[in-house]
Amino acid sequence: MQFSDIDNGKTFDWGNTSKDYAKYRDIYPDEFYQFILDLGLCKDGQTILDIGTGTGVLPRNMYRYGAKWIGTDISENQIEQAIFLAAESGMDITFYTCPAEEVDYPEDTFDVITVCQCIWYLDAKAITESFARMLKPGGKLLILYMGWLPYEDPVAGRSEEIILKHNPNWSSYGDTVHPVFVPEELLSNFDKVLQKEFRVDIPFTREGWHGRMRACRGVGAAMDETRLRAWDEEHMQMLKDTAPEKFNIKHYVSVAELQVKK
C-alpha cells in the first residue's frame, strides 16, 4: 500500500507482518467489546461486514455474541491468518481477500459495517454509496480505533523514538486522545449519531509489547530485514533496561457510530 499523506509516501505491506499481527495484536480489552455491545451492535443474529479485518480480531472476539460475520481485507496473508485462527476455534466466519472499494453485496444485506484501525486507508468517495446501499434501513457504520499514548506513557514514548530512528518516514507517532477520523465524504450518505473516546490500560509482557510494536506499520510492515534486525535488538534491549517483565501501556479507544440515510 502507498499513500502520499502517510509515511512520506513510502510503501508498506501488512502481509509482511501477518504472523506477528496474528500473535500480538489481539489486544483489545473487554471494555472495547462491551462498548460495542452496549450500542446494541454486533450481536443477536445481526449480519456484520468487517472491512479491513486483518487477522479477524474483531469477528473472532465477538463471534460468541451471536452475529453472523463476514471479514474482508486487501492482504492475502492477513486473510490466511484469519481463516486459520477462526477454523482453529471452530468459528463459522467468512473471510476473503478484497479491497474495501470493491466489496459488493446486494442492497440491504448488512445490519452493521465495521471499520477498525483502517478508515484512513480507504477511499471514502468510493465506499460511501456502496456501504450505504449494502446496509439495511437504519443500518450502522461503526468506525473504531485504539492507540497508545506516547506522551503519557514512558515505555510507549521510548518505543516510538526507536521506530523513528530506524524508520524516519513513519508518520503515526505522537498520538493523543482525539476523535477517530470520519471522512467528510461519508456524511453525504450517513448521519453521525455518536462520537466517543475513553481511556484504557492494556497489559503486556516485554515479549508482547515488542511483538505489538513489530506488528505496526512503521516496523514489520515497512522495514527491510537489515533495519528490522537492528530495530529488534535495540527495542528489546530498551525494554530489558527500562520495563519490568509485566506492565501496562496507556491507550485510548475512539469510536464513531454513523447511521445510513435511508
Protein backbone atom coordinates (compact mmCIF):
# COMPACT_ATOMS: atom_id res chain seq x y z
CA MET A 1 0.00 0.00 0.00
CA GLN A 2 1.12 3.56 -0.67
CA PHE A 3 -0.42 6.94 0.20
CA SER A 4 1.07 10.38 -0.35
CA ASP A 5 -0.03 11.59 3.10
CA ILE A 6 1.14 8.52 5.06
CA ASP A 7 4.81 7.74 5.85
CA ASN A 8 6.05 10.30 3.31
CA GLY A 9 4.59 8.20 0.52
CA LYS A 10 6.69 5.12 1.31
CA THR A 11 5.17 1.71 0.66
CA PHE A 12 4.15 -0.75 3.37
CA ASP A 13 2.65 -4.22 3.31
CA TRP A 14 0.67 -5.67 6.20
CA GLY A 15 1.26 -9.11 4.73
CA ASN A 16 4.90 -8.85 5.76
CA THR A 17 3.92 -8.88 9.41
CA SER A 18 0.83 -11.13 9.39
CA LYS A 19 2.25 -13.77 11.72
CA ASP A 20 3.21 -11.16 14.29
CA TYR A 21 -0.14 -9.45 13.78
CA ALA A 22 -1.98 -12.69 14.49
CA LYS A 23 0.08 -13.40 17.61
CA TYR A 24 0.48 -9.97 19.16
CA ARG A 25 -2.33 -7.63 18.05
CA ASP A 26 -5.30 -9.39 19.59
CA ILE A 27 -5.18 -6.92 22.49
CA TYR A 28 -8.50 -5.05 22.67
CA PRO A 29 -9.75 -5.07 26.28
CA ASP A 30 -13.17 -6.17 27.48
CA GLU A 31 -14.25 -2.51 27.69
CA PHE A 32 -13.76 -2.18 23.94
CA TYR A 33 -16.12 -5.02 23.08
CA GLN A 34 -18.61 -4.11 25.81
CA PHE A 35 -18.89 -0.60 24.40
CA ILE A 36 -19.91 -2.05 21.02
CA LEU A 37 -22.43 -4.38 22.65
CA ASP A 38 -23.90 -1.53 24.69
CA LEU A 39 -24.65 0.24 21.41
CA GLY A 40 -26.79 -2.78 20.52
CA LEU A 41 -24.43 -3.75 17.70
CA CYS A 42 -22.63 -6.90 16.50
CA LYS A 43 -24.79 -9.43 18.33
CA ASP A 44 -28.03 -11.46 18.36
CA GLY A 45 -28.33 -12.59 14.76
CA GLN A 46 -27.20 -9.35 13.11
CA THR A 47 -25.24 -9.65 9.87
CA ILE A 48 -21.92 -7.80 10.06
CA LEU A 49 -19.36 -6.87 7.40
CA ASP A 50 -15.90 -6.19 8.86
CA ILE A 51 -13.81 -4.11 6.45
CA GLY A 52 -10.02 -4.29 6.78
CA THR A 53 -10.46 -7.28 9.06
CA GLY A 54 -6.73 -8.08 9.21
CA THR A 55 -6.39 -11.37 11.05
CA GLY A 56 -10.06 -11.26 12.03
CA VAL A 57 -9.58 -9.90 15.55
CA LEU A 58 -12.98 -8.19 15.76
CA PRO A 59 -15.11 -11.02 14.28
CA ARG A 60 -13.32 -13.72 16.25
CA ASN A 61 -13.64 -11.95 19.60
CA MET A 62 -17.29 -11.02 19.07
CA TYR A 63 -18.37 -14.30 17.48
CA ARG A 64 -19.79 -15.62 20.77
CA TYR A 65 -22.37 -12.83 20.89
CA GLY A 66 -24.39 -14.36 18.07
CA ALA A 67 -23.84 -12.17 14.99
CA LYS A 68 -23.08 -13.55 11.53
CA TRP A 69 -19.70 -12.15 10.43
CA ILE A 70 -18.01 -11.62 7.07
CA GLY A 71 -14.49 -10.16 7.01
CA THR A 72 -12.54 -8.74 4.09
CA ASP A 73 -9.02 -7.39 3.76
CA ILE A 74 -6.74 -6.28 0.95
CA SER A 75 -3.90 -8.50 2.23
CA GLU A 76 -4.00 -12.18 1.29
CA ASN A 77 -1.57 -13.05 4.10
CA GLN A 78 -3.79 -11.38 6.67
CA ILE A 79 -6.81 -13.31 5.44
CA GLU A 80 -4.88 -16.58 5.54
CA GLN A 81 -4.20 -15.97 9.23
CA ALA A 82 -7.83 -15.00 9.87
CA ILE A 83 -9.12 -18.19 8.24
CA PHE A 84 -6.65 -20.35 10.17
CA LEU A 85 -7.41 -18.78 13.56
CA ALA A 86 -11.19 -18.94 13.07
CA ALA A 87 -11.06 -22.57 11.95
CA GLU A 88 -8.80 -23.44 14.88
CA SER A 89 -11.53 -22.18 17.22
CA GLY A 90 -14.39 -23.78 15.29
CA MET A 91 -15.88 -20.45 14.21
CA ASP A 92 -18.09 -20.17 11.13
CA ILE A 93 -16.81 -16.85 9.76
CA THR A 94 -16.41 -16.00 6.08
CA PHE A 95 -13.10 -14.30 5.25
CA TYR A 96 -11.83 -13.33 1.82
CA THR A 97 -9.32 -11.02 0.17
CA CYS A 98 -10.79 -7.92 -1.44
CA PRO A 99 -10.14 -4.16 -1.40
CA ALA A 100 -12.83 -2.30 0.51
CA GLU A 101 -13.71 -0.29 -2.59
CA GLU A 102 -14.59 -3.49 -4.48
CA VAL A 103 -16.69 -5.26 -1.85
CA ASP A 104 -20.12 -5.79 -3.38
CA TYR A 105 -23.27 -7.27 -1.86
CA PRO A 106 -26.96 -6.80 -2.66
CA GLU A 107 -28.92 -3.89 -1.25
CA ASP A 108 -29.97 -4.20 2.41
CA THR A 109 -27.61 -7.09 3.23
CA PHE A 110 -25.97 -5.91 6.46
CA ASP A 111 -27.10 -4.57 9.82
CA VAL A 112 -23.64 -3.17 10.59
CA ILE A 113 -20.41 -2.46 8.73
CA THR A 114 -17.35 -2.18 10.98
CA VAL A 115 -14.12 -0.41 10.04
CA CYS A 116 -11.46 -0.97 12.71
CA GLN A 117 -7.97 0.62 12.63
CA CYS A 118 -8.12 1.33 8.90
CA ILE A 119 -10.53 4.13 7.93
CA TRP A 120 -7.65 6.37 6.73
CA TYR A 121 -6.60 3.72 4.18
CA LEU A 122 -9.97 3.67 2.43
CA ASP A 123 -11.17 5.78 -0.50
CA ALA A 124 -14.14 7.46 1.17
CA LYS A 125 -15.57 8.71 -2.13
CA ALA A 126 -15.61 5.16 -3.47
CA ILE A 127 -17.17 3.49 -0.44
CA THR A 128 -19.82 5.91 0.84
CA GLU A 129 -22.56 4.98 -1.63
CA SER A 130 -21.75 1.25 -1.76
CA PHE A 131 -21.63 0.93 2.03
CA ALA A 132 -24.94 2.79 2.35
CA ARG A 133 -26.52 0.59 -0.30
CA MET A 134 -25.37 -2.65 1.34
CA LEU A 135 -26.75 -1.61 4.74
CA LYS A 136 -30.33 -2.22 5.76
CA PRO A 137 -32.58 0.78 6.56
CA GLY A 138 -31.27 2.26 9.79
CA GLY A 139 -28.05 0.26 9.44
CA LYS A 140 -24.87 1.40 11.17
CA LEU A 141 -21.31 2.12 10.07
CA LEU A 142 -19.03 1.72 13.09
CA ILE A 143 -15.55 3.27 12.89
CA LEU A 144 -13.19 2.01 15.60
CA TYR A 145 -9.68 2.86 16.74
CA MET A 146 -7.37 2.14 19.67
CA GLY A 147 -3.96 3.77 20.08
CA TRP A 148 -1.21 4.06 22.68
CA LEU A 149 -0.36 7.39 24.30
CA PRO A 150 3.37 8.13 23.94
CA TYR A 151 3.33 11.46 25.78
CA GLU A 152 1.68 9.89 28.82
CA ASP A 153 3.40 6.50 28.84
CA PRO A 154 7.23 6.43 29.03
CA VAL A 155 7.62 2.96 27.51
CA ALA A 156 5.38 3.84 24.57
CA GLY A 157 7.29 7.07 24.09
CA ARG A 158 10.67 5.32 24.04
CA SER A 159 9.29 2.74 21.61
CA GLU A 160 8.26 5.48 19.20
CA GLU A 161 11.72 7.07 19.39
CA ILE A 162 13.34 3.79 18.39
CA ILE A 163 10.93 3.25 15.50
CA LEU A 164 11.66 6.75 14.18
CA LYS A 165 15.40 6.16 14.48
CA HIS A 166 15.19 3.15 12.18
CA ASN A 167 12.29 4.39 10.02
CA PRO A 168 12.15 8.21 9.98
CA ASN A 169 9.37 8.10 7.35
CA TRP A 170 6.87 6.61 9.81
CA SER A 171 4.17 9.22 10.40
CA SER A 172 1.93 7.68 13.08
CA TYR A 173 3.89 8.88 16.08
CA GLY A 174 2.78 11.34 18.76
CA ASP A 175 -0.84 10.26 19.19
CA THR A 176 -3.07 12.00 21.74
CA VAL A 177 -6.69 11.38 22.72
CA HIS A 178 -8.83 12.68 19.87
CA PRO A 179 -11.95 11.71 17.88
CA VAL A 180 -11.44 8.99 15.32
CA PHE A 181 -11.24 10.26 11.73
CA VAL A 182 -14.60 10.39 9.93
CA PRO A 183 -14.13 11.28 6.25
CA GLU A 184 -16.36 14.16 5.19
CA GLU A 185 -17.46 12.20 2.12
CA LEU A 186 -19.27 9.66 4.30
CA LEU A 187 -21.65 12.31 5.61
CA SER A 188 -23.40 12.53 2.25
CA ASN A 189 -24.84 9.06 2.92
CA PHE A 190 -24.60 8.79 6.71
CA ASP A 191 -25.54 10.76 9.82
CA LYS A 192 -23.11 10.78 12.73
CA VAL A 193 -25.05 9.68 15.79
CA LEU A 194 -22.21 9.19 18.29
CA GLN A 195 -18.55 10.06 18.77
CA LYS A 196 -16.81 8.87 21.93
CA GLU A 197 -13.30 8.46 23.38
CA PHE A 198 -12.28 6.68 26.55
CA ARG A 199 -9.01 5.60 28.16
CA VAL A 200 -7.87 2.03 28.79
CA ASP A 201 -4.75 0.40 30.23
CA ILE A 202 -3.55 -2.63 28.25
CA PRO A 203 -1.37 -5.28 29.98
CA PHE A 204 1.75 -6.53 28.22
CA THR A 205 4.83 -8.62 28.83
CA ARG A 206 8.11 -7.45 27.32
CA GLU A 207 7.70 -10.00 24.54
CA GLY A 208 4.07 -8.98 23.99
CA TRP A 209 4.81 -5.27 23.66
CA HIS A 210 7.85 -5.95 21.48
CA GLY A 211 5.69 -8.09 19.21
CA ARG A 212 2.95 -5.47 19.18
CA MET A 213 5.46 -2.84 18.06
CA ARG A 214 6.97 -5.15 15.43
CA ALA A 215 3.47 -5.68 14.04
CA CYS A 216 2.88 -1.98 13.47
CA ARG A 217 3.01 -0.17 10.14
CA GLY A 218 6.32 1.54 10.79
CA VAL A 219 8.19 -1.65 11.69
CA GLY A 220 7.29 -5.08 10.32
CA ALA A 221 5.09 -3.76 7.53
CA ALA A 222 7.76 -1.36 6.22
CA MET A 223 11.33 -2.23 7.27
CA ASP A 224 13.72 -4.39 5.27
CA GLU A 225 15.45 -7.29 7.01
CA THR A 226 18.55 -5.31 7.96
CA ARG A 227 16.63 -2.45 9.58
CA LEU A 228 14.19 -4.82 11.24
CA ARG A 229 17.04 -6.79 12.78
CA ALA A 230 18.62 -3.61 14.16
CA TRP A 231 15.26 -2.38 15.47
CA ASP A 232 14.59 -5.78 17.09
CA GLU A 233 17.85 -5.65 19.02
CA GLU A 234 17.59 -2.05 20.18
CA HIS A 235 13.92 -2.17 21.12
CA MET A 236 14.21 -5.36 23.14
CA GLN A 237 17.27 -4.04 24.94
CA MET A 238 15.35 -0.87 25.83
CA LEU A 239 12.58 -2.99 27.35
CA LYS A 240 15.05 -5.06 29.36
CA ASP A 241 16.70 -1.88 30.66
CA THR A 242 13.59 0.17 31.47
CA ALA A 243 10.49 -2.03 31.83
CA PRO A 244 9.54 -4.80 34.26
CA GLU A 245 8.58 -8.18 32.82
CA LYS A 246 4.89 -7.23 33.07
CA PHE A 247 3.49 -3.72 32.70
CA ASN A 248 0.54 -1.71 31.38
CA ILE A 249 0.59 0.67 28.43
CA LYS A 250 -1.77 3.65 28.43
CA HIS A 251 -4.14 3.57 25.44
CA TYR A 252 -7.39 5.18 24.39
CA VAL A 253 -10.34 3.95 22.37
CA SER A 254 -12.13 6.21 19.87
CA VAL A 255 -15.44 5.30 18.25
CA ALA A 256 -17.74 6.92 15.71
CA GLU A 257 -21.20 5.49 15.07
CA LEU A 258 -22.84 6.52 11.79
CA GLN A 259 -26.34 5.65 10.58
CA VAL A 260 -27.26 5.29 6.95
CA LYS A 261 -29.61 7.89 5.48
CA LYS A 262 -32.46 5.69 4.25
